[in-house]
Amino acid sequence: MPRPPIPHKTTGRPARITREEIIRTARRIVTEDGVGRLTMRRLATEIGSTPMALYHHVRDKEELLLLLLDDYATRSLRRPDPLPTDPHERILGAALALHDVLAACPWIVEVLTADDLMSTSALWFVEQIVAGLTDCGLTLDQAVHAYRAIWYYTAGEILVRATASRRRTTDARATYRDRVFTDLDPAELPHLSQVADRWAGLTAEDTYEHGLRALLNGFSATR
């Protein structure tokens, strides 16, 4: 009796994917493993699709990162209500709102600083900072430069704290800084030697708002 023919197997089309699924999976990858581990190939594998299928939804990794930024900003950023009328307080409110949201998700700062990307959902906050600076007497060009200084201060503060936090979590050894501050010469470094045993605690304090106010006062004094 002849054997029945073996059915021909087909791989079929990859499962249909959505942009929401792409963003959700990409967000999980960068949260767990960092931005550097996010590739279109890995993303496709974890979704159960192909890189070519992803390109129907996102052009490249840069556009994917922009989608992640917008997604996070839309879910997390809250505009101050009511908006302060005093320009200094308006700048502070917008900058603090950005700082708090970004500090809760440091990988976003890594993306913003490395690739010069900007979420459109965050532009309202940038507008408030620039507008507040012009209301303080700066020209528009000066206000843009001042905003850049505020952004550098904000991003740097978040990245330093996030990096230090990761190190303390993964490595219990004394840092190079701790060893350097162990035996300072009071004759050569009188001020540092006085605070050597308190240096780590002092530099770990949250002084972001204080520093921001100092920046704003400096901008106002030099206009």
N, C-alpha and C. Protein backbone atom coordinates (compact mmCIF):
# COMPACT_ATOMS: atom_id res chain seq x y z
N MET A 1 0.86 -1.19 0.00
CA MET A 1 0.00 0.00 0.00
C MET A 1 0.89 1.23 0.00
N PRO A 2 0.69 2.13 -0.96
CA PRO A 2 1.56 3.31 -1.04
C PRO A 2 1.39 4.20 0.19
N ARG A 3 2.52 4.80 0.62
CA ARG A 3 2.48 5.70 1.78
C ARG A 3 1.89 7.03 1.36
N PRO A 4 1.10 7.65 2.24
CA PRO A 4 0.52 8.96 1.89
C PRO A 4 1.62 10.00 1.75
N PRO A 5 1.40 10.93 0.87
CA PRO A 5 2.42 11.97 0.67
C PRO A 5 2.62 12.79 1.95
N ILE A 6 3.89 13.19 2.19
CA ILE A 6 4.20 14.02 3.36
C ILE A 6 3.75 15.44 3.08
N PRO A 7 2.96 16.02 4.00
CA PRO A 7 2.50 17.40 3.76
C PRO A 7 3.67 18.35 3.64
N HIS A 8 3.56 19.30 2.73
CA HIS A 8 4.61 20.30 2.54
C HIS A 8 4.46 21.38 3.60
N LYS A 9 5.58 21.63 4.38
CA LYS A 9 5.53 22.63 5.45
C LYS A 9 5.93 24.00 4.90
N THR A 10 5.23 24.98 5.34
CA THR A 10 5.57 26.35 4.98
C THR A 10 5.82 27.13 6.26
N THR A 11 6.76 28.02 6.17
CA THR A 11 7.08 28.83 7.36
C THR A 11 6.00 29.86 7.64
N GLY A 12 5.32 30.28 6.62
CA GLY A 12 4.28 31.28 6.81
C GLY A 12 4.85 32.65 7.09
N ARG A 13 3.98 33.62 7.21
CA ARG A 13 4.38 34.98 7.49
C ARG A 13 4.62 35.16 9.00
N PRO A 14 5.54 36.06 9.35
CA PRO A 14 5.71 36.35 10.78
C PRO A 14 4.42 36.90 11.37
N ALA A 15 4.26 36.68 12.66
CA ALA A 15 3.05 37.18 13.33
C ALA A 15 2.96 38.70 13.16
N ARG A 16 1.74 39.18 13.01
CA ARG A 16 1.53 40.62 12.86
C ARG A 16 1.95 41.33 14.14
N ILE A 17 2.69 42.41 14.00
CA ILE A 17 3.14 43.16 15.18
C ILE A 17 2.61 44.59 15.10
N THR A 18 2.57 45.24 16.24
CA THR A 18 2.09 46.61 16.31
C THR A 18 3.18 47.51 16.84
N ARG A 19 3.04 48.81 16.60
CA ARG A 19 4.02 49.77 17.11
C ARG A 19 4.03 49.75 18.63
N GLU A 20 2.85 49.57 19.23
CA GLU A 20 2.78 49.52 20.69
C GLU A 20 3.60 48.36 21.25
N GLU A 21 3.54 47.21 20.57
CA GLU A 21 4.31 46.06 21.01
C GLU A 21 5.80 46.31 20.85
N ILE A 22 6.17 46.97 19.77
CA ILE A 22 7.58 47.31 19.53
C ILE A 22 8.09 48.21 20.65
N ILE A 23 7.34 49.25 20.98
CA ILE A 23 7.76 50.19 22.03
C ILE A 23 7.84 49.49 23.37
N ARG A 24 6.85 48.66 23.67
CA ARG A 24 6.82 47.97 24.96
C ARG A 24 8.03 47.05 25.12
N THR A 25 8.36 46.30 24.07
CA THR A 25 9.50 45.38 24.14
C THR A 25 10.82 46.14 24.19
N ALA A 26 10.93 47.18 23.38
CA ALA A 26 12.16 47.98 23.39
C ALA A 26 12.38 48.63 24.75
N ARG A 27 11.30 49.10 25.35
CA ARG A 27 11.41 49.72 26.68
C ARG A 27 11.92 48.71 27.71
N ARG A 28 11.46 47.49 27.62
CA ARG A 28 11.91 46.46 28.56
C ARG A 28 13.40 46.16 28.37
N ILE A 29 13.85 46.10 27.11
CA ILE A 29 15.25 45.80 26.84
C ILE A 29 16.16 46.89 27.40
N VAL A 30 15.84 48.15 27.13
CA VAL A 30 16.74 49.23 27.60
C VAL A 30 16.68 49.37 29.11
N THR A 31 15.54 49.08 29.70
CA THR A 31 15.42 49.17 31.15
C THR A 31 16.24 48.09 31.83
N GLU A 32 16.22 46.88 31.28
CA GLU A 32 16.91 45.75 31.90
C GLU A 32 18.40 45.70 31.54
N ASP A 33 18.73 46.04 30.28
CA ASP A 33 20.10 45.81 29.81
C ASP A 33 20.82 47.05 29.29
N GLY A 34 20.13 48.17 29.17
CA GLY A 34 20.77 49.38 28.69
C GLY A 34 20.55 49.62 27.21
N VAL A 35 20.77 50.87 26.81
CA VAL A 35 20.52 51.28 25.43
C VAL A 35 21.44 50.55 24.45
N GLY A 36 22.67 50.29 24.88
CA GLY A 36 23.63 49.66 23.99
C GLY A 36 23.25 48.25 23.57
N ARG A 37 22.39 47.59 24.35
CA ARG A 37 21.99 46.23 24.02
C ARG A 37 20.73 46.18 23.16
N LEU A 38 20.19 47.34 22.84
CA LEU A 38 19.00 47.38 21.99
C LEU A 38 19.42 47.43 20.53
N THR A 39 19.10 46.39 19.79
CA THR A 39 19.32 46.35 18.35
C THR A 39 18.02 45.92 17.67
N MET A 40 17.91 46.24 16.41
CA MET A 40 16.71 45.86 15.68
C MET A 40 16.61 44.35 15.58
N ARG A 41 17.75 43.67 15.47
CA ARG A 41 17.73 42.21 15.37
C ARG A 41 17.24 41.58 16.68
N ARG A 42 17.79 42.07 17.81
CA ARG A 42 17.35 41.51 19.09
C ARG A 42 15.88 41.81 19.33
N LEU A 43 15.47 43.04 19.01
CA LEU A 43 14.08 43.42 19.21
C LEU A 43 13.16 42.51 18.40
N ALA A 44 13.52 42.25 17.15
CA ALA A 44 12.70 41.37 16.31
C ALA A 44 12.63 39.96 16.89
N THR A 45 13.75 39.47 17.38
CA THR A 45 13.78 38.12 17.95
C THR A 45 12.86 38.02 19.16
N GLU A 46 12.91 39.01 20.04
CA GLU A 46 12.11 38.95 21.26
C GLU A 46 10.63 39.14 20.98
N ILE A 47 10.31 39.83 19.90
CA ILE A 47 8.91 39.99 19.52
C ILE A 47 8.41 38.74 18.79
N GLY A 48 9.35 38.00 18.18
CA GLY A 48 8.97 36.84 17.41
C GLY A 48 8.68 37.19 15.97
N SER A 49 9.46 38.16 15.46
CA SER A 49 9.25 38.61 14.08
C SER A 49 10.61 38.70 13.39
N THR A 50 10.70 39.53 12.36
CA THR A 50 11.95 39.70 11.62
C THR A 50 12.31 41.19 11.62
N PRO A 51 13.61 41.50 11.47
CA PRO A 51 14.00 42.91 11.38
C PRO A 51 13.28 43.63 10.24
N MET A 52 13.08 42.93 9.12
CA MET A 52 12.40 43.57 7.99
C MET A 52 10.98 44.00 8.36
N ALA A 53 10.30 43.17 9.17
CA ALA A 53 8.95 43.52 9.59
C ALA A 53 8.96 44.77 10.46
N LEU A 54 10.01 44.91 11.29
CA LEU A 54 10.10 46.10 12.15
C LEU A 54 10.22 47.37 11.33
N TYR A 55 10.93 47.28 10.21
CA TYR A 55 11.17 48.48 9.41
C TYR A 55 9.89 49.00 8.75
N HIS A 56 8.82 48.23 8.80
CA HIS A 56 7.55 48.75 8.34
C HIS A 56 6.95 49.72 9.36
N HIS A 57 7.44 49.67 10.59
CA HIS A 57 6.90 50.50 11.67
C HIS A 57 7.88 51.60 12.10
N VAL A 58 9.17 51.29 12.10
CA VAL A 58 10.18 52.28 12.49
C VAL A 58 11.32 52.24 11.46
N ARG A 59 11.84 53.42 11.13
CA ARG A 59 12.84 53.52 10.06
C ARG A 59 14.18 52.94 10.48
N ASP A 60 14.59 53.23 11.74
CA ASP A 60 15.89 52.77 12.23
C ASP A 60 15.91 52.89 13.75
N LYS A 61 17.06 52.61 14.36
CA LYS A 61 17.16 52.64 15.81
C LYS A 61 16.95 54.05 16.34
N GLU A 62 17.40 55.07 15.63
CA GLU A 62 17.22 56.44 16.09
C GLU A 62 15.74 56.78 16.21
N GLU A 63 14.95 56.41 15.21
CA GLU A 63 13.51 56.67 15.29
C GLU A 63 12.88 55.85 16.42
N LEU A 64 13.38 54.65 16.64
CA LEU A 64 12.88 53.82 17.73
C LEU A 64 13.14 54.49 19.07
N LEU A 65 14.34 55.06 19.24
CA LEU A 65 14.66 55.75 20.49
C LEU A 65 13.77 56.99 20.67
N LEU A 66 13.50 57.68 19.58
CA LEU A 66 12.59 58.84 19.66
C LEU A 66 11.20 58.40 20.10
N LEU A 67 10.74 57.27 19.58
CA LEU A 67 9.43 56.76 19.99
C LEU A 67 9.43 56.42 21.47
N LEU A 68 10.53 55.85 21.96
CA LEU A 68 10.64 55.54 23.38
C LEU A 68 10.62 56.80 24.22
N LEU A 69 11.33 57.83 23.76
CA LEU A 69 11.35 59.09 24.49
C LEU A 69 9.96 59.70 24.57
N ASP A 70 9.29 59.75 23.43
CA ASP A 70 7.94 60.33 23.41
C ASP A 70 6.98 59.53 24.26
N ASP A 71 7.10 58.21 24.20
CA ASP A 71 6.23 57.35 25.01
C ASP A 71 6.43 57.63 26.50
N TYR A 72 7.70 57.70 26.92
CA TYR A 72 7.97 57.93 28.33
C TYR A 72 7.53 59.33 28.76
N ALA A 73 7.83 60.34 27.92
CA ALA A 73 7.45 61.71 28.26
C ALA A 73 5.94 61.87 28.34
N THR A 74 5.22 61.25 27.42
CA THR A 74 3.76 61.35 27.41
C THR A 74 3.17 60.73 28.66
N ARG A 75 3.75 59.60 29.10
CA ARG A 75 3.22 58.91 30.29
C ARG A 75 3.65 59.56 31.60
N SER A 76 4.79 60.27 31.60
CA SER A 76 5.38 60.67 32.86
C SER A 76 5.39 62.17 33.12
N LEU A 77 5.55 62.99 32.07
CA LEU A 77 5.67 64.43 32.29
C LEU A 77 4.31 65.05 32.59
N ARG A 78 4.29 65.85 33.64
CA ARG A 78 3.07 66.57 34.02
C ARG A 78 3.37 68.05 34.07
N ARG A 79 2.61 68.84 33.34
CA ARG A 79 2.84 70.28 33.32
C ARG A 79 2.41 70.90 34.65
N PRO A 80 3.24 71.81 35.21
CA PRO A 80 2.86 72.46 36.46
C PRO A 80 1.53 73.19 36.30
N ASP A 81 0.66 73.01 37.27
CA ASP A 81 -0.67 73.64 37.22
C ASP A 81 -1.03 74.12 38.63
N PRO A 82 -1.18 75.43 38.84
CA PRO A 82 -1.07 76.50 37.83
C PRO A 82 0.39 76.83 37.51
N LEU A 83 0.60 77.41 36.35
CA LEU A 83 1.93 77.80 35.94
C LEU A 83 2.33 79.08 36.67
N PRO A 84 3.48 79.11 37.36
CA PRO A 84 3.88 80.31 38.10
C PRO A 84 4.02 81.51 37.17
N THR A 85 3.64 82.68 37.67
CA THR A 85 3.77 83.90 36.87
C THR A 85 5.17 84.48 36.97
N ASP A 86 5.83 84.29 38.12
CA ASP A 86 7.20 84.77 38.27
C ASP A 86 8.12 83.97 37.36
N PRO A 87 8.92 84.64 36.52
CA PRO A 87 9.74 83.91 35.54
C PRO A 87 10.73 82.95 36.18
N HIS A 88 11.35 83.35 37.30
CA HIS A 88 12.29 82.45 37.97
C HIS A 88 11.59 81.18 38.43
N GLU A 89 10.42 81.34 39.02
CA GLU A 89 9.69 80.17 39.51
C GLU A 89 9.16 79.32 38.37
N ARG A 90 8.85 79.96 37.23
CA ARG A 90 8.39 79.20 36.07
C ARG A 90 9.54 78.34 35.51
N ILE A 91 10.73 78.93 35.44
CA ILE A 91 11.90 78.17 34.99
C ILE A 91 12.18 77.02 35.94
N LEU A 92 12.14 77.32 37.24
CA LEU A 92 12.40 76.29 38.24
C LEU A 92 11.39 75.15 38.14
N GLY A 93 10.11 75.51 38.00
CA GLY A 93 9.07 74.49 37.92
C GLY A 93 9.25 73.57 36.73
N ALA A 94 9.57 74.15 35.57
CA ALA A 94 9.75 73.34 34.36
C ALA A 94 11.01 72.49 34.46
N ALA A 95 12.11 73.07 34.94
CA ALA A 95 13.36 72.33 35.04
C ALA A 95 13.27 71.21 36.08
N LEU A 96 12.63 71.50 37.21
CA LEU A 96 12.48 70.47 38.24
C LEU A 96 11.60 69.32 37.76
N ALA A 97 10.56 69.65 37.00
CA ALA A 97 9.68 68.60 36.47
C ALA A 97 10.47 67.69 35.53
N LEU A 98 11.27 68.28 34.65
CA LEU A 98 12.11 67.48 33.74
C LEU A 98 13.12 66.64 34.52
N HIS A 99 13.76 67.28 35.49
CA HIS A 99 14.78 66.59 36.28
C HIS A 99 14.20 65.38 36.99
N ASP A 100 13.06 65.54 37.64
CA ASP A 100 12.49 64.45 38.43
C ASP A 100 12.09 63.27 37.55
N VAL A 101 11.53 63.57 36.39
CA VAL A 101 11.11 62.50 35.48
C VAL A 101 12.33 61.77 34.91
N LEU A 102 13.35 62.53 34.50
CA LEU A 102 14.54 61.91 33.91
C LEU A 102 15.34 61.14 34.96
N ALA A 103 15.40 61.65 36.18
CA ALA A 103 16.15 60.97 37.23
C ALA A 103 15.55 59.61 37.55
N ALA A 104 14.25 59.47 37.34
CA ALA A 104 13.59 58.19 37.60
C ALA A 104 13.88 57.17 36.50
N CYS A 105 14.46 57.62 35.38
CA CYS A 105 14.74 56.72 34.26
C CYS A 105 16.03 57.18 33.58
N PRO A 106 17.20 56.94 34.22
CA PRO A 106 18.46 57.51 33.73
C PRO A 106 18.85 57.10 32.31
N TRP A 107 18.36 55.95 31.80
CA TRP A 107 18.75 55.57 30.44
C TRP A 107 18.30 56.60 29.42
N ILE A 108 17.24 57.34 29.75
CA ILE A 108 16.76 58.37 28.82
C ILE A 108 17.79 59.49 28.70
N VAL A 109 18.40 59.88 29.83
CA VAL A 109 19.42 60.91 29.78
C VAL A 109 20.60 60.46 28.93
N GLU A 110 20.95 59.18 29.04
CA GLU A 110 22.02 58.62 28.21
C GLU A 110 21.70 58.78 26.74
N VAL A 111 20.45 58.53 26.37
CA VAL A 111 20.04 58.67 24.97
C VAL A 111 20.09 60.14 24.54
N LEU A 112 19.56 61.01 25.38
CA LEU A 112 19.48 62.43 25.04
C LEU A 112 20.87 63.04 24.88
N THR A 113 21.80 62.66 25.73
CA THR A 113 23.14 63.24 25.67
C THR A 113 23.99 62.61 24.58
N ALA A 114 23.78 61.34 24.29
CA ALA A 114 24.63 60.65 23.32
C ALA A 114 24.22 60.93 21.89
N ASP A 115 22.94 61.04 21.63
CA ASP A 115 22.45 61.14 20.25
C ASP A 115 21.80 62.48 19.91
N ASP A 116 21.81 63.41 20.88
CA ASP A 116 21.24 64.74 20.63
C ASP A 116 19.79 64.64 20.17
N LEU A 117 19.05 63.71 20.74
CA LEU A 117 17.65 63.56 20.41
C LEU A 117 16.80 64.35 21.39
N MET A 118 15.62 64.74 20.97
CA MET A 118 14.73 65.50 21.85
C MET A 118 13.30 65.03 21.64
N SER A 119 12.64 64.69 22.72
CA SER A 119 11.25 64.28 22.62
C SER A 119 10.37 65.49 22.36
N THR A 120 9.47 65.38 21.39
CA THR A 120 8.55 66.50 21.12
C THR A 120 7.63 66.76 22.31
N SER A 121 7.36 65.72 23.10
CA SER A 121 6.49 65.88 24.26
C SER A 121 7.14 66.72 25.35
N ALA A 122 8.46 66.85 25.31
CA ALA A 122 9.18 67.62 26.33
C ALA A 122 9.42 69.07 25.90
N LEU A 123 9.10 69.40 24.65
CA LEU A 123 9.42 70.73 24.15
C LEU A 123 8.65 71.83 24.88
N TRP A 124 7.47 71.52 25.39
CA TRP A 124 6.71 72.52 26.15
C TRP A 124 7.52 73.01 27.35
N PHE A 125 8.23 72.09 28.01
CA PHE A 125 9.03 72.44 29.18
C PHE A 125 10.23 73.28 28.77
N VAL A 126 10.83 72.94 27.64
CA VAL A 126 11.94 73.74 27.12
C VAL A 126 11.45 75.15 26.78
N GLU A 127 10.28 75.23 26.19
CA GLU A 127 9.69 76.54 25.86
C GLU A 127 9.50 77.39 27.11
N GLN A 128 9.03 76.78 28.21
CA GLN A 128 8.82 77.54 29.44
C GLN A 128 10.14 78.06 30.01
N ILE A 129 11.18 77.26 29.91
CA ILE A 129 12.49 77.68 30.42
C ILE A 129 13.03 78.84 29.58
N VAL A 130 12.98 78.69 28.26
CA VAL A 130 13.49 79.75 27.38
C VAL A 130 12.66 81.03 27.54
N ALA A 131 11.33 80.88 27.60
CA ALA A 131 10.46 82.05 27.77
C ALA A 131 10.73 82.74 29.10
N GLY A 132 10.91 81.95 30.16
CA GLY A 132 11.20 82.53 31.47
C GLY A 132 12.51 83.29 31.47
N LEU A 133 13.50 82.77 30.77
CA LEU A 133 14.80 83.44 30.70
C LEU A 133 14.71 84.76 29.93
N THR A 134 13.90 84.79 28.87
CA THR A 134 13.73 86.07 28.16
C THR A 134 12.97 87.06 29.02
N ASP A 135 12.02 86.58 29.82
CA ASP A 135 11.30 87.45 30.73
C ASP A 135 12.20 88.00 31.84
N CYS A 136 13.31 87.29 32.09
CA CYS A 136 14.28 87.76 33.07
C CYS A 136 15.24 88.81 32.47
N GLY A 137 15.10 89.08 31.18
CA GLY A 137 15.90 90.13 30.56
C GLY A 137 16.92 89.65 29.56
N LEU A 138 17.03 88.35 29.33
CA LEU A 138 17.99 87.84 28.36
C LEU A 138 17.42 87.97 26.95
N THR A 139 18.32 88.14 25.97
CA THR A 139 17.88 88.06 24.59
C THR A 139 17.53 86.61 24.28
N LEU A 140 16.87 86.38 23.16
CA LEU A 140 16.50 85.02 22.81
C LEU A 140 17.73 84.14 22.64
N ASP A 141 18.77 84.69 21.99
CA ASP A 141 20.00 83.91 21.83
C ASP A 141 20.62 83.59 23.18
N GLN A 142 20.67 84.57 24.07
CA GLN A 142 21.21 84.34 25.40
C GLN A 142 20.38 83.32 26.16
N ALA A 143 19.06 83.36 25.96
CA ALA A 143 18.18 82.42 26.65
C ALA A 143 18.45 80.98 26.20
N VAL A 144 18.71 80.82 24.91
CA VAL A 144 19.02 79.48 24.40
C VAL A 144 20.34 78.98 25.00
N HIS A 145 21.33 79.86 25.07
CA HIS A 145 22.61 79.48 25.68
C HIS A 145 22.43 79.15 27.16
N ALA A 146 21.61 79.93 27.85
CA ALA A 146 21.36 79.67 29.26
C ALA A 146 20.61 78.35 29.45
N TYR A 147 19.65 78.08 28.57
CA TYR A 147 18.96 76.79 28.64
C TYR A 147 19.95 75.65 28.47
N ARG A 148 20.90 75.80 27.54
CA ARG A 148 21.89 74.75 27.33
C ARG A 148 22.69 74.50 28.62
N ALA A 149 23.05 75.58 29.32
CA ALA A 149 23.78 75.42 30.58
C ALA A 149 22.93 74.68 31.62
N ILE A 150 21.64 75.01 31.67
CA ILE A 150 20.73 74.33 32.60
C ILE A 150 20.63 72.85 32.23
N TRP A 151 20.54 72.56 30.94
CA TRP A 151 20.43 71.17 30.50
C TRP A 151 21.70 70.39 30.82
N TYR A 152 22.85 71.00 30.57
CA TYR A 152 24.11 70.32 30.88
C TYR A 152 24.20 70.02 32.38
N TYR A 153 23.82 70.99 33.18
CA TYR A 153 23.84 70.81 34.64
C TYR A 153 22.88 69.69 35.05
N THR A 154 21.70 69.69 34.47
CA THR A 154 20.68 68.69 34.81
C THR A 154 21.12 67.30 34.38
N ALA A 155 21.53 67.16 33.12
CA ALA A 155 21.93 65.85 32.61
C ALA A 155 23.16 65.32 33.34
N GLY A 156 24.13 66.20 33.58
CA GLY A 156 25.33 65.77 34.28
C GLY A 156 25.05 65.29 35.68
N GLU A 157 24.19 66.01 36.39
CA GLU A 157 23.84 65.63 37.77
C GLU A 157 23.17 64.26 37.80
N ILE A 158 22.28 64.02 36.86
CA ILE A 158 21.56 62.74 36.82
C ILE A 158 22.51 61.60 36.46
N LEU A 159 23.34 61.81 35.45
CA LEU A 159 24.25 60.75 35.00
C LEU A 159 25.27 60.39 36.08
N VAL A 160 25.82 61.39 36.76
CA VAL A 160 26.80 61.12 37.81
C VAL A 160 26.17 60.32 38.94
N ARG A 161 24.97 60.74 39.36
CA ARG A 161 24.29 60.03 40.44
C ARG A 161 23.93 58.60 40.03
N ALA A 162 23.45 58.45 38.81
CA ALA A 162 23.05 57.11 38.35
C ALA A 162 24.26 56.19 38.25
N THR A 163 25.38 56.71 37.74
CA THR A 163 26.59 55.90 37.62
C THR A 163 27.12 55.51 38.98
N ALA A 164 27.13 56.46 39.91
CA ALA A 164 27.61 56.17 41.27
C ALA A 164 26.72 55.15 41.95
N SER A 165 25.41 55.26 41.72
CA SER A 165 24.48 54.32 42.33
C SER A 165 24.70 52.91 41.81
N ARG A 166 24.92 52.78 40.50
CA ARG A 166 25.18 51.46 39.92
C ARG A 166 26.47 50.87 40.48
N ARG A 167 27.48 51.69 40.66
CA ARG A 167 28.75 51.19 41.17
C ARG A 167 28.58 50.69 42.60
N ARG A 168 27.87 51.45 43.43
CA ARG A 168 27.68 51.03 44.82
C ARG A 168 26.89 49.73 44.89
N THR A 169 26.00 49.53 43.93
CA THR A 169 25.17 48.33 43.92
C THR A 169 25.97 47.09 43.53
N THR A 170 26.91 47.27 42.62
CA THR A 170 27.62 46.10 42.06
C THR A 170 29.02 45.90 42.63
N ASP A 171 29.55 46.91 43.35
CA ASP A 171 30.94 46.82 43.83
C ASP A 171 31.04 47.46 45.21
N ALA A 172 31.34 46.65 46.20
CA ALA A 172 31.41 47.14 47.59
C ALA A 172 32.78 47.67 47.95
N ARG A 173 33.75 47.58 47.06
CA ARG A 173 35.10 48.05 47.37
C ARG A 173 35.14 49.56 47.52
N ALA A 174 36.12 50.04 48.29
CA ALA A 174 36.29 51.48 48.45
C ALA A 174 36.64 52.10 47.10
N THR A 175 36.10 53.28 46.83
CA THR A 175 36.39 53.95 45.58
C THR A 175 37.77 54.62 45.63
N TYR A 176 38.27 54.98 44.47
CA TYR A 176 39.54 55.69 44.41
C TYR A 176 39.44 56.99 45.19
N ARG A 177 38.30 57.66 45.11
CA ARG A 177 38.10 58.90 45.85
C ARG A 177 38.27 58.67 47.35
N ASP A 178 37.70 57.58 47.85
CA ASP A 178 37.82 57.29 49.29
C ASP A 178 39.28 57.15 49.70
N ARG A 179 40.07 56.50 48.87
CA ARG A 179 41.48 56.30 49.20
C ARG A 179 42.24 57.62 49.15
N VAL A 180 41.93 58.45 48.17
CA VAL A 180 42.61 59.73 48.04
C VAL A 180 42.34 60.63 49.24
N PHE A 181 41.12 60.60 49.75
CA PHE A 181 40.74 61.47 50.86
C PHE A 181 41.13 60.91 52.23
N THR A 182 41.77 59.76 52.25
CA THR A 182 42.10 59.13 53.53
C THR A 182 43.19 59.88 54.29
N ASP A 183 44.18 60.38 53.59
CA ASP A 183 45.33 60.98 54.28
C ASP A 183 45.78 62.23 53.55
N LEU A 184 45.05 63.33 53.72
CA LEU A 184 45.38 64.58 53.05
C LEU A 184 46.33 65.40 53.93
N ASP A 185 47.15 66.18 53.26
CA ASP A 185 48.10 67.05 53.96
C ASP A 185 47.42 68.39 54.27
N PRO A 186 47.15 68.68 55.56
CA PRO A 186 46.48 69.94 55.91
C PRO A 186 47.25 71.18 55.47
N ALA A 187 48.56 71.08 55.38
CA ALA A 187 49.35 72.23 54.98
C ALA A 187 49.13 72.56 53.51
N GLU A 188 48.98 71.54 52.70
CA GLU A 188 48.79 71.75 51.26
C GLU A 188 47.32 71.91 50.88
N LEU A 189 46.44 71.16 51.54
CA LEU A 189 45.01 71.17 51.22
C LEU A 189 44.20 71.41 52.51
N PRO A 190 44.28 72.62 53.06
CA PRO A 190 43.65 72.87 54.36
C PRO A 190 42.13 72.71 54.37
N HIS A 191 41.46 73.16 53.33
CA HIS A 191 40.00 73.07 53.31
C HIS A 191 39.53 71.65 53.07
N LEU A 192 40.15 70.97 52.13
CA LEU A 192 39.75 69.60 51.83
C LEU A 192 40.03 68.67 53.01
N SER A 193 41.12 68.89 53.70
CA SER A 193 41.44 68.02 54.83
C SER A 193 40.42 68.17 55.95
N GLN A 194 39.83 69.36 56.08
CA GLN A 194 38.83 69.58 57.13
C GLN A 194 37.54 68.82 56.86
N VAL A 195 37.20 68.62 55.58
CA VAL A 195 35.94 67.96 55.25
C VAL A 195 36.15 66.57 54.67
N ALA A 196 37.38 66.05 54.76
CA ALA A 196 37.69 64.77 54.13
C ALA A 196 36.78 63.65 54.61
N ASP A 197 36.52 63.61 55.92
CA ASP A 197 35.70 62.51 56.46
C ASP A 197 34.22 62.70 56.17
N ARG A 198 33.84 63.90 55.71
CA ARG A 198 32.43 64.18 55.39
C ARG A 198 32.20 64.39 53.91
N TRP A 199 33.25 64.28 53.12
CA TRP A 199 33.16 64.60 51.68
C TRP A 199 32.11 63.74 50.97
N ALA A 200 32.15 62.44 51.21
CA ALA A 200 31.21 61.55 50.52
C ALA A 200 29.77 61.89 50.85
N GLY A 201 29.50 62.15 52.12
CA GLY A 201 28.13 62.50 52.51
C GLY A 201 27.68 63.83 51.95
N LEU A 202 28.57 64.82 51.98
CA LEU A 202 28.22 66.15 51.47
C LEU A 202 27.95 66.11 49.97
N THR A 203 28.79 65.40 49.23
CA THR A 203 28.61 65.37 47.77
C THR A 203 27.46 64.46 47.36
N ALA A 204 26.95 63.65 48.28
CA ALA A 204 25.81 62.80 47.97
C ALA A 204 24.48 63.50 48.22
N GLU A 205 24.52 64.67 48.87
CA GLU A 205 23.28 65.39 49.17
C GLU A 205 22.62 65.88 47.87
N ASP A 206 21.30 65.95 47.89
CA ASP A 206 20.55 66.42 46.73
C ASP A 206 20.52 67.95 46.76
N THR A 207 21.38 68.57 45.99
CA THR A 207 21.46 70.03 45.94
C THR A 207 21.08 70.56 44.55
N TYR A 208 20.34 69.76 43.79
CA TYR A 208 20.02 70.17 42.42
C TYR A 208 19.28 71.51 42.39
N GLU A 209 18.24 71.65 43.17
CA GLU A 209 17.46 72.89 43.14
C GLU A 209 18.30 74.08 43.58
N HIS A 210 19.11 73.89 44.61
CA HIS A 210 19.98 74.98 45.07
C HIS A 210 20.92 75.42 43.95
N GLY A 211 21.53 74.44 43.26
CA GLY A 211 22.42 74.78 42.16
C GLY A 211 21.70 75.45 41.01
N LEU A 212 20.48 75.00 40.75
CA LEU A 212 19.69 75.60 39.67
C LEU A 212 19.37 77.06 39.98
N ARG A 213 19.01 77.33 41.23
CA ARG A 213 18.74 78.72 41.62
C ARG A 213 20.00 79.58 41.47
N ALA A 214 21.14 79.02 41.81
CA ALA A 214 22.39 79.76 41.67
C ALA A 214 22.66 80.07 40.20
N LEU A 215 22.40 79.11 39.32
CA LEU A 215 22.55 79.35 37.89
C LEU A 215 21.66 80.50 37.42
N LEU A 216 20.41 80.46 37.84
CA LEU A 216 19.46 81.50 37.42
C LEU A 216 19.88 82.87 37.93
N ASN A 217 20.35 82.92 39.17
CA ASN A 217 20.82 84.20 39.71
C ASN A 217 22.02 84.71 38.91
N GLY A 218 22.88 83.78 38.49
CA GLY A 218 24.03 84.17 37.69
C GLY A 218 23.63 84.71 36.33
N PHE A 219 22.65 84.07 35.70
CA PHE A 219 22.16 84.55 34.41
C PHE A 219 21.59 85.96 34.53
N SER A 220 20.83 86.20 35.61
CA SER A 220 20.20 87.50 35.81
C SER A 220 21.25 88.58 36.06
N ALA A 221 22.33 88.21 36.76
CA ALA A 221 23.35 89.21 37.11
C ALA A 221 24.23 89.60 35.93
N THR A 222 24.32 88.71 34.94
CA THR A 222 25.24 88.98 33.81
C THR A 222 24.52 89.42 32.55
N ARG A 223 23.23 89.64 32.61
CA ARG A 223 22.51 89.99 31.38
C ARG A 223 22.86 91.40 30.91
